[in-house]
Amino acid sequence: MNIKIIRFRTLSKDFDKNLVSFFILEGSKNMQIIQIDNEHLIFQVEIFAGKEKNINTEKMLDKFRKFYPNKYIDIQLEKDIDFEEWKRMRLRSLSVGKFTFKPIFDKTEEDDSVIYLDTLVGAFGIDNHPTTIICLEMIDKMEPKFKLAVDFGSGNGILSLALSRISKSPIIAIEIFYSYCLEIKHNCKINNTENIIVLNSDSMKVIKELDFLVSNVPLSVFADPNTNILNSKFNKAVFSGIKIESKEEFINLLDKYNIEILEIVEKEGWIGVITQKQGR
């Protein structure tokens, strides 16, 4: 597998949800803003492709301009790297409380205190995002006791693997992307973890009742009733993935589902909450 790193230049006013959605749908990952001023903005994306697939960035730009003729965009940089080089750029060590994560290529000997991570497709969870750290800090603090836990929107399985170090009870990792499910299974295998069940789904409706829930997903996913996250029958939960500017909207959403906030924290522009279902 090869990865193409591309930097685009656009007008600051043109960098909006439509632009972000377009590049995500085109297969872009790890979008980040590199530079910004009063008028212009440079952002970077990574696009994964098989060895036989050629990524035509000019064709992508032509498609973008067809959809959004009034938006300005051009290419600043293109760089091709192989997958192993990309993994060494992205996978980093992380220590949060009792949890220590290391890239699989740093493994020198068996150490049961370390959770090793590898990546097959760059699933969310490999880049030590603030929301991932928020969830890990809350799990470390709570040490939740459960007979069944669910990690909804599991990404690469990092939060499920953390929970597996607290309890040997079943943990269901639910993930909408099948390729991410394969990555979770791979990370379970390299850590000899057997109590994580991977479910390829976009909803929690199949889960009748659970003790503990963790979900690190965007506000839109929490708000979608089809996911059944907030309507599920859990005891306690950790939620993150919410930007600070959407804090009040999220609090109101939790109140709608009779979910009590026990603690709320902010980190680098994001929030996380420890909650419990009222009446349970």
Protein backbone atom coordinates (compact mmCIF):
# COMPACT_ATOMS: atom_id res chain seq x y z
CA MET A 1 0.00 0.00 0.00
CA ASN A 2 1.20 3.51 -0.81
CA ILE A 3 0.18 6.84 0.72
CA LYS A 4 0.14 10.19 -0.97
CA ILE A 5 0.53 13.28 1.21
CA ILE A 6 -1.03 16.34 -0.41
CA ARG A 7 -1.12 19.96 0.73
CA PHE A 8 -3.81 22.22 -0.68
CA ARG A 9 -4.14 25.99 -0.52
CA THR A 10 -7.57 27.59 -0.29
CA LEU A 11 -9.20 30.76 0.96
CA SER A 12 -9.86 30.75 4.69
CA LYS A 13 -13.53 31.52 4.05
CA ASP A 14 -13.80 28.52 1.71
CA PHE A 15 -12.58 26.00 4.30
CA ASP A 16 -15.95 24.75 5.53
CA LYS A 17 -17.96 21.56 6.14
CA ASN A 18 -18.56 21.06 2.42
CA LEU A 19 -14.84 21.13 1.66
CA VAL A 20 -13.99 18.79 4.54
CA SER A 21 -16.78 16.36 3.59
CA PHE A 22 -15.66 16.30 -0.04
CA PHE A 23 -12.11 15.22 0.80
CA ILE A 24 -13.26 12.66 3.36
CA LEU A 25 -15.56 11.09 0.76
CA GLU A 26 -12.63 11.04 -1.67
CA GLY A 27 -10.74 8.83 0.79
CA SER A 28 -8.65 11.42 2.60
CA LYS A 29 -7.46 10.76 6.14
CA ASN A 30 -5.76 12.79 8.86
CA MET A 31 -6.76 16.19 7.55
CA GLN A 32 -4.89 18.93 9.37
CA ILE A 33 -4.44 22.66 8.98
CA ILE A 34 -0.77 23.50 8.35
CA GLN A 35 -0.89 27.28 8.00
CA ILE A 36 -3.54 29.97 8.23
CA ASP A 37 -3.65 33.74 7.83
CA ASN A 38 -6.34 36.36 7.24
CA GLU A 39 -7.01 35.29 3.65
CA HIS A 40 -5.51 31.88 2.91
CA LEU A 41 -5.27 28.47 4.53
CA ILE A 42 -3.06 25.47 3.76
CA PHE A 43 -4.32 22.02 4.77
CA GLN A 44 -2.85 18.56 4.40
CA VAL A 45 -4.49 15.21 3.71
CA GLU A 46 -3.26 11.65 3.35
CA ILE A 47 -4.77 9.31 0.76
CA PHE A 48 -4.25 5.56 0.88
CA ALA A 49 -4.01 3.53 -2.32
CA GLY A 50 -3.09 0.02 -3.36
CA LYS A 51 0.13 -0.49 -5.26
CA GLU A 52 -1.75 -0.68 -8.57
CA LYS A 53 -3.91 2.39 -7.95
CA ASN A 54 -2.80 5.79 -9.20
CA ILE A 55 -4.06 8.81 -7.24
CA ASN A 56 -4.84 11.55 -9.74
CA THR A 57 -4.92 14.76 -7.73
CA GLU A 58 -5.69 16.95 -10.75
CA LYS A 59 -8.74 14.83 -11.49
CA MET A 60 -9.77 15.20 -7.84
CA LEU A 61 -9.42 18.99 -8.07
CA ASP A 62 -11.46 19.09 -11.29
CA LYS A 63 -14.21 17.18 -9.52
CA PHE A 64 -14.07 19.57 -6.55
CA ARG A 65 -14.28 22.63 -8.82
CA LYS A 66 -17.24 21.13 -10.61
CA PHE A 67 -19.09 20.72 -7.30
CA TYR A 68 -17.96 24.06 -5.88
CA PRO A 69 -17.13 26.43 -8.76
CA ASN A 70 -16.97 29.46 -6.46
CA LYS A 71 -14.34 28.00 -4.13
CA TYR A 72 -10.63 28.57 -4.74
CA ILE A 73 -8.18 25.67 -4.31
CA ASP A 74 -4.81 24.61 -5.68
CA ILE A 75 -2.04 22.12 -4.86
CA GLN A 76 1.00 23.22 -2.87
CA LEU A 77 2.80 19.89 -2.37
CA GLU A 78 2.56 16.20 -3.27
CA LYS A 79 4.66 13.45 -1.74
CA ASP A 80 4.44 9.66 -2.09
CA ILE A 81 5.59 7.47 0.80
CA ASP A 82 5.35 3.73 1.40
CA PHE A 83 3.15 2.28 4.12
CA GLU A 84 5.96 1.23 6.47
CA GLU A 85 7.42 4.74 6.41
CA TRP A 86 3.97 6.18 7.06
CA LYS A 87 3.44 3.85 10.05
CA ARG A 88 6.65 5.05 11.65
CA MET A 89 5.47 8.63 11.18
CA ARG A 90 2.05 8.02 12.71
CA LEU A 91 2.35 5.35 15.39
CA ARG A 92 3.69 6.85 18.62
CA SER A 93 4.05 5.74 22.21
CA LEU A 94 1.51 6.98 24.74
CA SER A 95 1.24 6.67 28.52
CA VAL A 96 -1.96 7.59 30.37
CA GLY A 97 -2.27 6.53 33.98
CA LYS A 98 -1.92 2.76 34.18
CA PHE A 99 -2.04 2.38 30.38
CA THR A 100 1.09 2.28 28.24
CA PHE A 101 0.85 1.96 24.45
CA LYS A 102 3.75 1.37 22.09
CA PRO A 103 4.04 0.81 18.33
CA ILE A 104 4.46 -2.83 17.44
CA PHE A 105 7.78 -2.09 15.76
CA ASP A 106 9.16 -0.98 19.15
CA LYS A 107 8.48 -4.39 20.71
CA THR A 108 11.75 -5.97 21.84
CA GLU A 109 10.49 -8.49 24.40
CA GLU A 110 7.27 -9.71 25.96
CA ASP A 111 5.89 -7.14 28.39
CA ASP A 112 2.34 -7.68 29.63
CA SER A 113 2.20 -4.13 31.01
CA VAL A 114 2.35 -2.67 27.49
CA ILE A 115 -0.43 -2.57 24.90
CA TYR A 116 1.06 -2.77 21.42
CA LEU A 117 -0.62 -1.10 18.45
CA ASP A 118 -0.24 -1.68 14.73
CA THR A 119 -2.21 -0.20 11.85
CA LEU A 120 -3.50 -1.69 8.63
CA VAL A 121 -5.49 1.24 7.25
CA GLY A 122 -4.85 4.17 9.58
CA ALA A 123 -7.97 3.73 11.74
CA PHE A 124 -8.71 6.51 14.25
CA GLY A 125 -6.81 6.09 17.51
CA ILE A 126 -3.23 5.89 16.24
CA ASP A 127 -2.31 9.57 16.54
CA ASN A 128 -2.86 10.29 20.26
CA HIS A 129 -5.78 12.64 19.59
CA PRO A 130 -6.91 14.76 22.59
CA THR A 131 -10.29 13.00 22.68
CA THR A 132 -8.59 9.60 22.85
CA ILE A 133 -6.49 10.83 25.77
CA ILE A 134 -9.58 12.27 27.50
CA CYS A 135 -11.32 8.89 27.30
CA LEU A 136 -8.24 7.02 28.55
CA GLU A 137 -7.83 9.42 31.48
CA MET A 138 -11.47 8.95 32.47
CA ILE A 139 -11.31 5.15 32.15
CA ASP A 140 -8.12 5.13 34.22
CA LYS A 141 -9.76 7.28 36.90
CA MET A 142 -13.03 5.31 37.01
CA GLU A 143 -11.67 1.75 36.70
CA PRO A 144 -15.21 0.76 35.67
CA LYS A 145 -16.60 -2.55 36.87
CA PHE A 146 -18.73 -4.29 34.27
CA LYS A 147 -20.14 -7.58 33.12
CA LEU A 148 -20.51 -6.12 29.61
CA ALA A 149 -18.91 -3.01 28.13
CA VAL A 150 -19.31 -1.44 24.69
CA ASP A 151 -16.88 0.78 22.78
CA PHE A 152 -18.95 2.45 20.04
CA GLY A 153 -16.97 3.92 17.18
CA SER A 154 -13.96 1.87 18.21
CA GLY A 155 -11.51 3.01 15.51
CA ASN A 156 -8.36 0.94 15.98
CA GLY A 157 -9.61 -0.53 19.28
CA ILE A 158 -7.37 1.47 21.63
CA LEU A 159 -10.13 2.12 24.19
CA SER A 160 -11.37 -1.48 24.06
CA LEU A 161 -7.82 -2.69 24.66
CA ALA A 162 -7.54 -0.35 27.66
CA LEU A 163 -10.78 -1.75 29.08
CA SER A 164 -9.47 -5.30 28.54
CA ARG A 165 -6.65 -4.52 31.00
CA ILE A 166 -9.23 -3.60 33.67
CA SER A 167 -11.58 -6.55 33.24
CA LYS A 168 -11.73 -9.92 31.52
CA SER A 169 -15.49 -9.51 31.04
CA PRO A 170 -16.77 -9.21 27.46
CA ILE A 171 -16.16 -5.95 25.60
CA ILE A 172 -17.98 -5.29 22.32
CA ALA A 173 -16.11 -3.02 19.93
CA ILE A 174 -18.61 -1.59 17.44
CA GLU A 175 -17.24 0.01 14.28
CA ILE A 176 -19.01 1.06 11.08
CA PHE A 177 -15.97 0.61 8.80
CA TYR A 178 -15.16 -3.02 8.02
CA SER A 179 -11.48 -2.21 7.38
CA TYR A 180 -11.27 -0.71 10.88
CA CYS A 181 -12.83 -3.89 12.29
CA LEU A 182 -9.98 -5.87 10.74
CA GLU A 183 -7.51 -3.49 12.39
CA ILE A 184 -9.16 -3.99 15.80
CA LYS A 185 -8.95 -7.77 15.39
CA HIS A 186 -5.30 -7.45 14.38
CA ASN A 187 -4.48 -5.36 17.48
CA CYS A 188 -6.32 -7.87 19.68
CA LYS A 189 -4.26 -10.69 18.18
CA ILE A 190 -0.88 -9.06 18.73
CA ASN A 191 -1.84 -8.40 22.38
CA ASN A 192 -3.30 -11.92 22.92
CA THR A 193 -6.59 -10.29 23.92
CA GLU A 194 -9.56 -12.66 23.77
CA ASN A 195 -12.41 -10.81 25.53
CA ILE A 196 -13.03 -8.20 22.79
CA ILE A 197 -15.84 -9.01 20.36
CA VAL A 198 -15.70 -6.94 17.16
CA LEU A 199 -19.02 -5.95 15.60
CA ASN A 200 -19.26 -4.26 12.19
CA SER A 201 -22.30 -2.01 12.65
CA ASP A 202 -23.50 1.60 12.72
CA SER A 203 -25.92 1.12 15.60
CA MET A 204 -26.19 -0.11 19.20
CA LYS A 205 -29.74 -1.36 18.77
CA VAL A 206 -28.61 -4.99 18.97
CA ILE A 207 -27.25 -4.37 22.50
CA LYS A 208 -30.12 -4.81 24.93
CA GLU A 209 -28.38 -3.76 28.15
CA LEU A 210 -24.84 -3.02 29.30
CA ASP A 211 -22.93 -1.78 32.32
CA PHE A 212 -20.36 0.55 30.79
CA LEU A 213 -20.22 2.46 27.51
CA VAL A 214 -17.43 4.50 25.95
CA SER A 215 -17.91 6.41 22.71
CA ASN A 216 -15.53 8.87 21.10
CA VAL A 217 -17.44 10.06 18.05
CA PRO A 218 -18.59 13.40 16.55
CA LEU A 219 -21.66 15.22 17.88
CA SER A 220 -23.62 14.33 14.74
CA VAL A 221 -23.24 10.62 15.55
CA PHE A 222 -24.48 11.08 19.12
CA ALA A 223 -27.41 13.12 17.82
CA ASP A 224 -28.42 10.53 15.21
CA PRO A 225 -31.21 8.43 16.80
CA ASN A 226 -30.37 5.53 14.48
CA THR A 227 -27.07 4.94 16.29
CA ASN A 228 -29.01 4.46 19.54
CA ILE A 229 -26.00 5.54 21.61
CA LEU A 230 -27.75 7.84 24.05
CA ASN A 231 -30.95 5.77 24.12
CA SER A 232 -29.10 2.56 25.01
CA LYS A 233 -29.54 1.02 28.46
CA PHE A 234 -26.18 1.65 30.10
CA ASN A 235 -25.24 2.36 33.70
CA LYS A 236 -22.22 4.64 33.32
CA ALA A 237 -20.52 6.03 30.24
CA VAL A 238 -17.59 8.07 28.99
CA PHE A 239 -18.26 10.29 25.99
CA SER A 240 -15.91 12.46 23.96
CA GLY A 241 -15.43 13.68 20.40
CA ILE A 242 -17.22 16.97 21.07
CA LYS A 243 -15.69 20.35 20.30
CA ILE A 244 -15.86 22.98 23.05
CA GLU A 245 -18.02 25.26 20.91
CA SER A 246 -20.67 22.48 20.82
CA LYS A 247 -20.57 21.92 24.60
CA GLU A 248 -23.98 23.40 25.41
CA GLU A 249 -25.63 21.63 22.49
CA PHE A 250 -24.23 18.31 23.72
CA ILE A 251 -25.28 18.96 27.33
CA ASN A 252 -28.81 19.67 26.14
CA LEU A 253 -28.76 16.46 24.10
CA LEU A 254 -27.73 14.43 27.15
CA ASP A 255 -30.50 16.05 29.19
CA LYS A 256 -33.03 15.04 26.51
CA TYR A 257 -32.12 11.39 27.14
CA ASN A 258 -32.11 11.74 30.97
CA ILE A 259 -28.34 11.31 31.15
CA GLU A 260 -26.67 12.88 34.20
CA ILE A 261 -23.22 14.42 33.85
CA LEU A 262 -20.93 13.39 36.72
CA GLU A 263 -17.80 15.13 35.44
CA ILE A 264 -16.81 17.22 32.47
CA VAL A 265 -13.28 18.05 31.31
CA GLU A 266 -11.78 20.16 28.53
CA LYS A 267 -8.55 19.50 26.65
CA GLU A 268 -7.13 21.31 23.62
CA GLY A 269 -10.49 22.47 22.32
CA TRP A 270 -12.40 19.25 23.05
CA ILE A 271 -14.60 18.03 25.90
CA GLY A 272 -15.24 14.72 27.55
CA VAL A 273 -17.84 13.67 30.10
CA ILE A 274 -18.43 10.92 32.62
CA THR A 275 -22.16 10.21 32.78
CA GLN A 276 -24.77 7.90 34.17
CA LYS A 277 -28.32 7.08 33.16
CA GLN A 278 -30.82 8.56 35.58
CA GLY A 279 -32.98 5.96 37.29
CA ARG A 280 -30.47 3.11 36.79
